[in-house]
Amino acid sequence: MPYWLQLVVQISFSYLATCAFAICINIPRKALNACGIAGSVGWIVYWLLKNLSTGRMVANLMGALAIGFCGILMARRKGMPVIIFNIPALVPLVPGATAYRAIRALVLGNIDLAIQLIVSVTMVAGSIAVGFMLAQLIGELTVYHSRSLPKLRRPGQRYK
């Protein structure tokens, strides 16, 4: 399959998965498209970085960072809480298959594999959490610094 077609498929299905989960958790209709876009952006960042062999943790961290920034921008634009955009957009990044394999290995008695997979799931979840926290921190710092800077006047504008 050509690379551009893979990209289109990845974008489409991440958008659909995000919107479907947003509908399931009763996100307002006016926020559905923005949720889908945030989920697609986060997934594409993750997918591209994973294809560049950066590692799963770095790819998840950067994907969560992208989702966090998209959530902040869309929340300001729509006048809604950031969490409305972040939670559904997180769905494509969740390591559900790895968690399933860990529990299955635990049930089948393969303790070594189960521990290895549980550690992997924990590290991925931690990198997603760190990505969200960094996005929030950077967003808060930019708002704080933009408010503390003196207002610049335009040429021809009078002082008040």
N, C-alpha and C. Protein backbone atom coordinates (compact mmCIF):
# COMPACT_ATOMS: atom_id res chain seq x y z
N MET A 1 0.85 -1.17 0.00
CA MET A 1 0.00 0.00 0.00
C MET A 1 0.90 1.24 0.00
N PRO A 2 0.61 2.22 -0.85
CA PRO A 2 1.44 3.45 -0.88
C PRO A 2 1.37 4.20 0.46
N TYR A 3 2.44 4.91 0.75
CA TYR A 3 2.55 5.61 2.03
C TYR A 3 1.45 6.65 2.21
N TRP A 4 1.12 7.39 1.14
CA TRP A 4 0.08 8.42 1.24
C TRP A 4 -1.27 7.79 1.54
N LEU A 5 -1.53 6.59 1.01
CA LEU A 5 -2.79 5.91 1.27
C LEU A 5 -2.85 5.42 2.72
N GLN A 6 -1.73 4.94 3.22
CA GLN A 6 -1.67 4.56 4.64
C GLN A 6 -1.96 5.76 5.53
N LEU A 7 -1.42 6.90 5.16
CA LEU A 7 -1.65 8.13 5.92
C LEU A 7 -3.13 8.51 5.93
N VAL A 8 -3.78 8.41 4.78
CA VAL A 8 -5.21 8.73 4.68
C VAL A 8 -6.03 7.76 5.53
N VAL A 9 -5.70 6.47 5.48
CA VAL A 9 -6.42 5.47 6.27
C VAL A 9 -6.23 5.74 7.76
N GLN A 10 -5.00 6.04 8.18
CA GLN A 10 -4.73 6.31 9.59
C GLN A 10 -5.50 7.54 10.09
N ILE A 11 -5.50 8.59 9.29
CA ILE A 11 -6.23 9.81 9.67
C ILE A 11 -7.72 9.53 9.76
N SER A 12 -8.26 8.83 8.77
CA SER A 12 -9.70 8.57 8.73
C SER A 12 -10.16 7.74 9.92
N PHE A 13 -9.47 6.64 10.19
CA PHE A 13 -9.92 5.77 11.26
C PHE A 13 -9.66 6.36 12.65
N SER A 14 -8.61 7.14 12.81
CA SER A 14 -8.42 7.80 14.11
C SER A 14 -9.50 8.85 14.34
N TYR A 15 -9.90 9.55 13.28
CA TYR A 15 -10.99 10.53 13.39
C TYR A 15 -12.29 9.82 13.77
N LEU A 16 -12.60 8.71 13.08
CA LEU A 16 -13.83 7.97 13.36
C LEU A 16 -13.83 7.40 14.78
N ALA A 17 -12.72 6.83 15.21
CA ALA A 17 -12.64 6.26 16.56
C ALA A 17 -12.83 7.34 17.62
N THR A 18 -12.21 8.48 17.42
CA THR A 18 -12.33 9.57 18.38
C THR A 18 -13.76 10.09 18.44
N CYS A 19 -14.37 10.30 17.29
CA CYS A 19 -15.76 10.80 17.26
C CYS A 19 -16.73 9.78 17.85
N ALA A 20 -16.51 8.49 17.56
CA ALA A 20 -17.39 7.46 18.11
C ALA A 20 -17.31 7.42 19.63
N PHE A 21 -16.10 7.52 20.18
CA PHE A 21 -15.97 7.54 21.63
C PHE A 21 -16.56 8.82 22.22
N ALA A 22 -16.40 9.93 21.52
CA ALA A 22 -16.97 11.20 21.99
C ALA A 22 -18.49 11.11 22.05
N ILE A 23 -19.10 10.45 21.07
CA ILE A 23 -20.55 10.26 21.09
C ILE A 23 -20.95 9.37 22.27
N CYS A 24 -20.16 8.32 22.53
CA CYS A 24 -20.47 7.40 23.63
C CYS A 24 -20.43 8.09 24.99
N ILE A 25 -19.56 9.07 25.16
CA ILE A 25 -19.46 9.74 26.46
C ILE A 25 -20.20 11.08 26.48
N ASN A 26 -21.08 11.28 25.51
CA ASN A 26 -21.98 12.44 25.46
C ASN A 26 -21.27 13.79 25.40
N ILE A 27 -20.30 13.89 24.53
CA ILE A 27 -19.66 15.18 24.26
C ILE A 27 -20.66 16.02 23.46
N PRO A 28 -20.77 17.32 23.72
CA PRO A 28 -21.71 18.16 22.95
C PRO A 28 -21.44 18.09 21.44
N ARG A 29 -22.52 18.17 20.67
CA ARG A 29 -22.42 18.02 19.21
C ARG A 29 -21.49 19.04 18.57
N LYS A 30 -21.48 20.25 19.12
CA LYS A 30 -20.65 21.29 18.50
C LYS A 30 -19.15 21.05 18.73
N ALA A 31 -18.81 20.09 19.59
CA ALA A 31 -17.40 19.79 19.86
C ALA A 31 -16.93 18.50 19.19
N LEU A 32 -17.82 17.77 18.52
CA LEU A 32 -17.45 16.47 17.95
C LEU A 32 -16.37 16.59 16.88
N ASN A 33 -16.53 17.52 15.97
CA ASN A 33 -15.55 17.67 14.90
C ASN A 33 -14.18 18.04 15.46
N ALA A 34 -14.16 18.94 16.42
CA ALA A 34 -12.89 19.36 17.04
C ALA A 34 -12.24 18.19 17.78
N CYS A 35 -13.05 17.36 18.43
CA CYS A 35 -12.51 16.17 19.10
C CYS A 35 -11.87 15.23 18.09
N GLY A 36 -12.55 15.02 16.98
CA GLY A 36 -12.02 14.15 15.94
C GLY A 36 -10.72 14.67 15.36
N ILE A 37 -10.65 15.97 15.16
CA ILE A 37 -9.41 16.57 14.63
C ILE A 37 -8.27 16.41 15.64
N ALA A 38 -8.55 16.66 16.92
CA ALA A 38 -7.51 16.51 17.94
C ALA A 38 -7.02 15.07 18.02
N GLY A 39 -7.94 14.12 17.96
CA GLY A 39 -7.54 12.71 17.98
C GLY A 39 -6.72 12.33 16.77
N SER A 40 -7.10 12.85 15.61
CA SER A 40 -6.35 12.55 14.38
C SER A 40 -4.95 13.15 14.43
N VAL A 41 -4.84 14.38 14.92
CA VAL A 41 -3.52 15.03 15.01
C VAL A 41 -2.61 14.24 15.96
N GLY A 42 -3.14 13.87 17.12
CA GLY A 42 -2.33 13.10 18.07
C GLY A 42 -1.91 11.75 17.52
N TRP A 43 -2.84 11.07 16.85
CA TRP A 43 -2.51 9.76 16.30
C TRP A 43 -1.50 9.86 15.17
N ILE A 44 -1.63 10.86 14.31
CA ILE A 44 -0.69 11.00 13.19
C ILE A 44 0.71 11.34 13.71
N VAL A 45 0.80 12.18 14.73
CA VAL A 45 2.11 12.47 15.33
C VAL A 45 2.72 11.18 15.87
N TYR A 46 1.90 10.40 16.59
CA TYR A 46 2.37 9.12 17.13
C TYR A 46 2.79 8.18 16.01
N TRP A 47 1.96 8.03 15.00
CA TRP A 47 2.20 7.09 13.90
C TRP A 47 3.45 7.45 13.11
N LEU A 48 3.60 8.74 12.80
CA LEU A 48 4.78 9.17 12.05
C LEU A 48 6.06 8.97 12.85
N LEU A 49 6.03 9.32 14.13
CA LEU A 49 7.23 9.15 14.95
C LEU A 49 7.56 7.67 15.16
N LYS A 50 6.53 6.84 15.31
CA LYS A 50 6.78 5.41 15.47
C LYS A 50 7.37 4.82 14.20
N ASN A 51 6.91 5.30 13.03
CA ASN A 51 7.48 4.83 11.76
C ASN A 51 8.90 5.33 11.55
N LEU A 52 9.27 6.41 12.21
CA LEU A 52 10.64 6.91 12.13
C LEU A 52 11.56 6.24 13.15
N SER A 53 11.04 5.22 13.83
CA SER A 53 11.80 4.43 14.81
C SER A 53 12.29 5.25 15.99
N THR A 54 11.44 6.15 16.50
CA THR A 54 11.84 6.93 17.68
C THR A 54 11.54 6.19 18.97
N GLY A 55 10.76 5.15 18.93
CA GLY A 55 10.40 4.42 20.14
C GLY A 55 8.97 4.73 20.54
N ARG A 56 8.39 3.78 21.22
CA ARG A 56 6.97 3.88 21.56
C ARG A 56 6.70 4.96 22.61
N MET A 57 7.60 5.09 23.57
CA MET A 57 7.37 6.07 24.65
C MET A 57 7.47 7.50 24.13
N VAL A 58 8.48 7.78 23.33
CA VAL A 58 8.64 9.13 22.77
C VAL A 58 7.48 9.45 21.85
N ALA A 59 7.06 8.48 21.04
CA ALA A 59 5.94 8.71 20.12
C ALA A 59 4.66 9.00 20.89
N ASN A 60 4.40 8.26 21.97
CA ASN A 60 3.21 8.51 22.79
C ASN A 60 3.30 9.86 23.49
N LEU A 61 4.47 10.20 23.99
CA LEU A 61 4.64 11.50 24.65
C LEU A 61 4.35 12.64 23.69
N MET A 62 4.91 12.57 22.49
CA MET A 62 4.70 13.64 21.51
C MET A 62 3.26 13.65 21.00
N GLY A 63 2.65 12.48 20.85
CA GLY A 63 1.24 12.42 20.46
C GLY A 63 0.34 13.06 21.51
N ALA A 64 0.60 12.75 22.78
CA ALA A 64 -0.18 13.35 23.86
C ALA A 64 0.07 14.85 23.95
N LEU A 65 1.30 15.28 23.70
CA LEU A 65 1.61 16.71 23.68
C LEU A 65 0.83 17.41 22.57
N ALA A 66 0.77 16.79 21.40
CA ALA A 66 0.00 17.36 20.29
C ALA A 66 -1.49 17.42 20.63
N ILE A 67 -2.01 16.37 21.25
CA ILE A 67 -3.42 16.37 21.66
C ILE A 67 -3.67 17.46 22.69
N GLY A 68 -2.75 17.61 23.64
CA GLY A 68 -2.90 18.65 24.65
C GLY A 68 -2.95 20.05 24.05
N PHE A 69 -2.04 20.32 23.10
CA PHE A 69 -2.05 21.63 22.44
C PHE A 69 -3.31 21.84 21.62
N CYS A 70 -3.73 20.80 20.89
CA CYS A 70 -4.98 20.91 20.11
C CYS A 70 -6.16 21.15 21.03
N GLY A 71 -6.19 20.44 22.16
CA GLY A 71 -7.28 20.62 23.11
C GLY A 71 -7.34 22.02 23.66
N ILE A 72 -6.18 22.59 23.99
CA ILE A 72 -6.13 23.96 24.51
C ILE A 72 -6.62 24.95 23.46
N LEU A 73 -6.13 24.81 22.24
CA LEU A 73 -6.54 25.72 21.17
C LEU A 73 -8.03 25.62 20.88
N MET A 74 -8.54 24.41 20.81
CA MET A 74 -9.96 24.23 20.49
C MET A 74 -10.86 24.65 21.65
N ALA A 75 -10.39 24.46 22.87
CA ALA A 75 -11.18 24.90 24.02
C ALA A 75 -11.30 26.41 24.05
N ARG A 76 -10.22 27.10 23.73
CA ARG A 76 -10.28 28.57 23.68
C ARG A 76 -11.15 29.04 22.54
N ARG A 77 -11.07 28.34 21.43
CA ARG A 77 -11.86 28.74 20.26
C ARG A 77 -13.36 28.49 20.47
N LYS A 78 -13.69 27.35 21.09
CA LYS A 78 -15.10 26.99 21.29
C LYS A 78 -15.67 27.50 22.60
N GLY A 79 -14.81 27.95 23.52
CA GLY A 79 -15.29 28.42 24.82
C GLY A 79 -15.78 27.29 25.70
N MET A 80 -15.11 26.15 25.63
CA MET A 80 -15.50 24.97 26.39
C MET A 80 -14.29 24.49 27.20
N PRO A 81 -14.51 23.61 28.18
CA PRO A 81 -13.38 23.08 28.96
C PRO A 81 -12.45 22.21 28.10
N VAL A 82 -11.18 22.22 28.43
CA VAL A 82 -10.17 21.47 27.68
C VAL A 82 -10.43 19.97 27.75
N ILE A 83 -10.91 19.51 28.88
CA ILE A 83 -11.10 18.07 29.09
C ILE A 83 -12.08 17.47 28.08
N ILE A 84 -13.01 18.28 27.58
CA ILE A 84 -13.97 17.80 26.58
C ILE A 84 -13.25 17.35 25.31
N PHE A 85 -12.16 17.99 24.98
CA PHE A 85 -11.43 17.65 23.76
C PHE A 85 -10.33 16.63 24.02
N ASN A 86 -9.73 16.66 25.20
CA ASN A 86 -8.60 15.77 25.49
C ASN A 86 -9.00 14.32 25.71
N ILE A 87 -10.08 14.07 26.43
CA ILE A 87 -10.45 12.69 26.76
C ILE A 87 -10.79 11.87 25.53
N PRO A 88 -11.67 12.33 24.63
CA PRO A 88 -11.92 11.51 23.43
C PRO A 88 -10.70 11.38 22.52
N ALA A 89 -9.90 12.43 22.44
CA ALA A 89 -8.72 12.40 21.56
C ALA A 89 -7.66 11.43 22.07
N LEU A 90 -7.72 11.10 23.32
CA LEU A 90 -6.78 10.16 23.93
C LEU A 90 -6.99 8.73 23.46
N VAL A 91 -8.19 8.39 23.05
CA VAL A 91 -8.56 7.01 22.75
C VAL A 91 -7.62 6.32 21.76
N PRO A 92 -7.22 6.93 20.65
CA PRO A 92 -6.32 6.20 19.75
C PRO A 92 -4.95 5.88 20.35
N LEU A 93 -4.52 6.62 21.36
CA LEU A 93 -3.20 6.38 21.95
C LEU A 93 -3.19 5.33 23.05
N VAL A 94 -4.36 4.97 23.58
CA VAL A 94 -4.44 4.05 24.71
C VAL A 94 -3.91 2.67 24.30
N PRO A 95 -3.01 2.09 25.10
CA PRO A 95 -2.43 0.79 24.74
C PRO A 95 -3.34 -0.38 25.14
N GLY A 96 -4.52 -0.44 24.56
CA GLY A 96 -5.50 -1.45 24.93
C GLY A 96 -5.10 -2.86 24.56
N ALA A 97 -4.54 -3.06 23.38
CA ALA A 97 -4.15 -4.41 22.95
C ALA A 97 -3.03 -4.95 23.82
N THR A 98 -2.10 -4.10 24.20
CA THR A 98 -1.00 -4.54 25.06
C THR A 98 -1.52 -4.90 26.45
N ALA A 99 -2.46 -4.12 26.96
CA ALA A 99 -3.06 -4.42 28.26
C ALA A 99 -3.82 -5.75 28.21
N TYR A 100 -4.54 -5.98 27.12
CA TYR A 100 -5.25 -7.24 26.94
C TYR A 100 -4.28 -8.42 26.92
N ARG A 101 -3.18 -8.26 26.18
CA ARG A 101 -2.17 -9.33 26.11
C ARG A 101 -1.55 -9.59 27.48
N ALA A 102 -1.38 -8.54 28.27
CA ALA A 102 -0.81 -8.70 29.61
C ALA A 102 -1.75 -9.50 30.50
N ILE A 103 -3.02 -9.16 30.48
CA ILE A 103 -3.99 -9.88 31.31
C ILE A 103 -4.13 -11.32 30.84
N ARG A 104 -4.11 -11.52 29.53
CA ARG A 104 -4.22 -12.88 28.98
C ARG A 104 -3.01 -13.72 29.40
N ALA A 105 -1.82 -13.14 29.33
CA ALA A 105 -0.63 -13.86 29.77
C ALA A 105 -0.69 -14.18 31.26
N LEU A 106 -1.25 -13.27 32.04
CA LEU A 106 -1.40 -13.50 33.47
C LEU A 106 -2.35 -14.66 33.74
N VAL A 107 -3.47 -14.69 33.02
CA VAL A 107 -4.46 -15.76 33.19
C VAL A 107 -3.90 -17.11 32.75
N LEU A 108 -3.11 -17.11 31.68
CA LEU A 108 -2.54 -18.36 31.16
C LEU A 108 -1.33 -18.83 31.97
N GLY A 109 -0.89 -18.03 32.92
CA GLY A 109 0.20 -18.44 33.79
C GLY A 109 1.58 -18.05 33.31
N ASN A 110 1.68 -17.25 32.28
CA ASN A 110 2.97 -16.79 31.77
C ASN A 110 3.33 -15.48 32.49
N ILE A 111 3.82 -15.62 33.70
CA ILE A 111 4.03 -14.48 34.58
C ILE A 111 5.11 -13.54 34.05
N ASP A 112 6.19 -14.08 33.50
CA ASP A 112 7.28 -13.23 32.99
C ASP A 112 6.80 -12.31 31.88
N LEU A 113 6.07 -12.87 30.92
CA LEU A 113 5.53 -12.06 29.82
C LEU A 113 4.52 -11.05 30.35
N ALA A 114 3.68 -11.47 31.31
CA ALA A 114 2.67 -10.57 31.87
C ALA A 114 3.33 -9.37 32.54
N ILE A 115 4.37 -9.60 33.31
CA ILE A 115 5.06 -8.49 33.98
C ILE A 115 5.69 -7.56 32.96
N GLN A 116 6.31 -8.13 31.95
CA GLN A 116 6.93 -7.31 30.90
C GLN A 116 5.89 -6.43 30.21
N LEU A 117 4.73 -7.00 29.89
CA LEU A 117 3.69 -6.23 29.20
C LEU A 117 3.05 -5.20 30.12
N ILE A 118 2.88 -5.54 31.40
CA ILE A 118 2.30 -4.58 32.35
C ILE A 118 3.24 -3.38 32.53
N VAL A 119 4.54 -3.64 32.58
CA VAL A 119 5.51 -2.54 32.68
C VAL A 119 5.43 -1.67 31.43
N SER A 120 5.29 -2.30 30.27
CA SER A 120 5.17 -1.54 29.02
C SER A 120 3.92 -0.66 29.01
N VAL A 121 2.79 -1.23 29.45
CA VAL A 121 1.54 -0.46 29.51
C VAL A 121 1.68 0.71 30.48
N THR A 122 2.31 0.46 31.62
CA THR A 122 2.50 1.52 32.62
C THR A 122 3.39 2.64 32.08
N MET A 123 4.44 2.27 31.37
CA MET A 123 5.33 3.29 30.80
C MET A 123 4.63 4.11 29.72
N VAL A 124 3.83 3.46 28.89
CA VAL A 124 3.08 4.18 27.86
C VAL A 124 2.07 5.12 28.50
N ALA A 125 1.34 4.63 29.51
CA ALA A 125 0.37 5.48 30.20
C ALA A 125 1.07 6.66 30.87
N GLY A 126 2.24 6.42 31.44
CA GLY A 126 3.00 7.51 32.05
C GLY A 126 3.47 8.54 31.03
N SER A 127 3.89 8.07 29.87
CA SER A 127 4.33 9.03 28.84
C SER A 127 3.16 9.85 28.31
N ILE A 128 1.99 9.24 28.22
CA ILE A 128 0.80 9.99 27.80
C ILE A 128 0.47 11.06 28.86
N ALA A 129 0.53 10.67 30.12
CA ALA A 129 0.24 11.62 31.20
C ALA A 129 1.25 12.77 31.21
N VAL A 130 2.52 12.47 31.02
CA VAL A 130 3.55 13.51 30.99
C VAL A 130 3.32 14.45 29.80
N GLY A 131 2.93 13.90 28.66
CA GLY A 131 2.63 14.73 27.49
C GLY A 131 1.50 15.70 27.75
N PHE A 132 0.43 15.22 28.40
CA PHE A 132 -0.69 16.11 28.74
C PHE A 132 -0.26 17.18 29.74
N MET A 133 0.52 16.77 30.74
CA MET A 133 0.97 17.74 31.74
C MET A 133 1.86 18.81 31.12
N LEU A 134 2.76 18.41 30.22
CA LEU A 134 3.62 19.39 29.55
C LEU A 134 2.80 20.36 28.71
N ALA A 135 1.79 19.86 28.01
CA ALA A 135 0.94 20.74 27.20
C ALA A 135 0.22 21.74 28.09
N GLN A 136 -0.32 21.28 29.21
CA GLN A 136 -1.01 22.18 30.13
C GLN A 136 -0.04 23.21 30.71
N LEU A 137 1.15 22.76 31.09
CA LEU A 137 2.15 23.66 31.66
C LEU A 137 2.56 24.73 30.66
N ILE A 138 2.86 24.33 29.45
CA ILE A 138 3.26 25.29 28.42
C ILE A 138 2.11 26.24 28.09
N GLY A 139 0.89 25.71 28.04
CA GLY A 139 -0.28 26.55 27.79
C GLY A 139 -0.49 27.59 28.89
N GLU A 140 -0.36 27.17 30.14
CA GLU A 140 -0.52 28.10 31.26
C GLU A 140 0.60 29.15 31.28
N LEU A 141 1.81 28.73 30.99
CA LEU A 141 2.93 29.68 30.98
C LEU A 141 2.77 30.72 29.88
N THR A 142 2.29 30.31 28.72
CA THR A 142 2.11 31.29 27.64
C THR A 142 1.00 32.27 27.97
N VAL A 143 -0.07 31.80 28.60
CA VAL A 143 -1.15 32.71 28.99
C VAL A 143 -0.65 33.67 30.07
N TYR A 144 0.09 33.14 31.06
CA TYR A 144 0.61 33.98 32.14
C TYR A 144 1.55 35.05 31.60
N HIS A 145 2.47 34.65 30.73
CA HIS A 145 3.44 35.61 30.20
C HIS A 145 2.80 36.60 29.23
N SER A 146 1.80 36.17 28.51
CA SER A 146 1.15 37.12 27.59
C SER A 146 0.36 38.17 28.36
N ARG A 147 -0.14 37.82 29.53
CA ARG A 147 -0.87 38.81 30.35
C ARG A 147 0.09 39.75 31.07
N SER A 148 1.29 39.27 31.39
CA SER A 148 2.22 40.10 32.15
C SER A 148 3.04 41.03 31.27
N LEU A 149 3.05 40.80 29.96
CA LEU A 149 3.79 41.68 29.06
C LEU A 149 3.04 43.00 28.89
N PRO A 150 3.76 44.10 28.77
CA PRO A 150 3.07 45.38 28.56
C PRO A 150 2.41 45.40 27.18
N LYS A 151 1.29 46.07 27.12
CA LYS A 151 0.58 46.20 25.84
C LYS A 151 1.36 47.13 24.93
N LEU A 152 1.60 46.71 23.74
CA LEU A 152 2.28 47.54 22.76
C LEU A 152 1.25 48.33 21.98
N ARG A 153 1.55 49.58 21.74
CA ARG A 153 0.61 50.38 20.97
C ARG A 153 1.01 50.37 19.50
N ARG A 154 0.03 50.45 18.67
CA ARG A 154 0.27 50.49 17.23
C ARG A 154 0.66 51.90 16.82
N PRO A 155 1.37 52.02 15.71
CA PRO A 155 1.69 53.38 15.23
C PRO A 155 0.40 54.16 14.94
N GLY A 156 0.36 55.37 15.42
CA GLY A 156 -0.83 56.20 15.22
C GLY A 156 -1.87 56.04 16.31
N GLN A 157 -1.68 55.08 17.22
CA GLN A 157 -2.64 54.86 18.29
C GLN A 157 -2.28 55.77 19.46
N ARG A 158 -3.28 56.36 20.09
CA ARG A 158 -3.04 57.28 21.21
C ARG A 158 -3.06 56.52 22.52
N TYR A 159 -2.37 57.08 23.51
CA TYR A 159 -2.39 56.50 24.85
C TYR A 159 -3.73 56.78 25.50
N LYS A 160 -4.16 55.88 26.34
CA LYS A 160 -5.43 56.08 27.05
C LYS A 160 -5.19 56.59 28.44
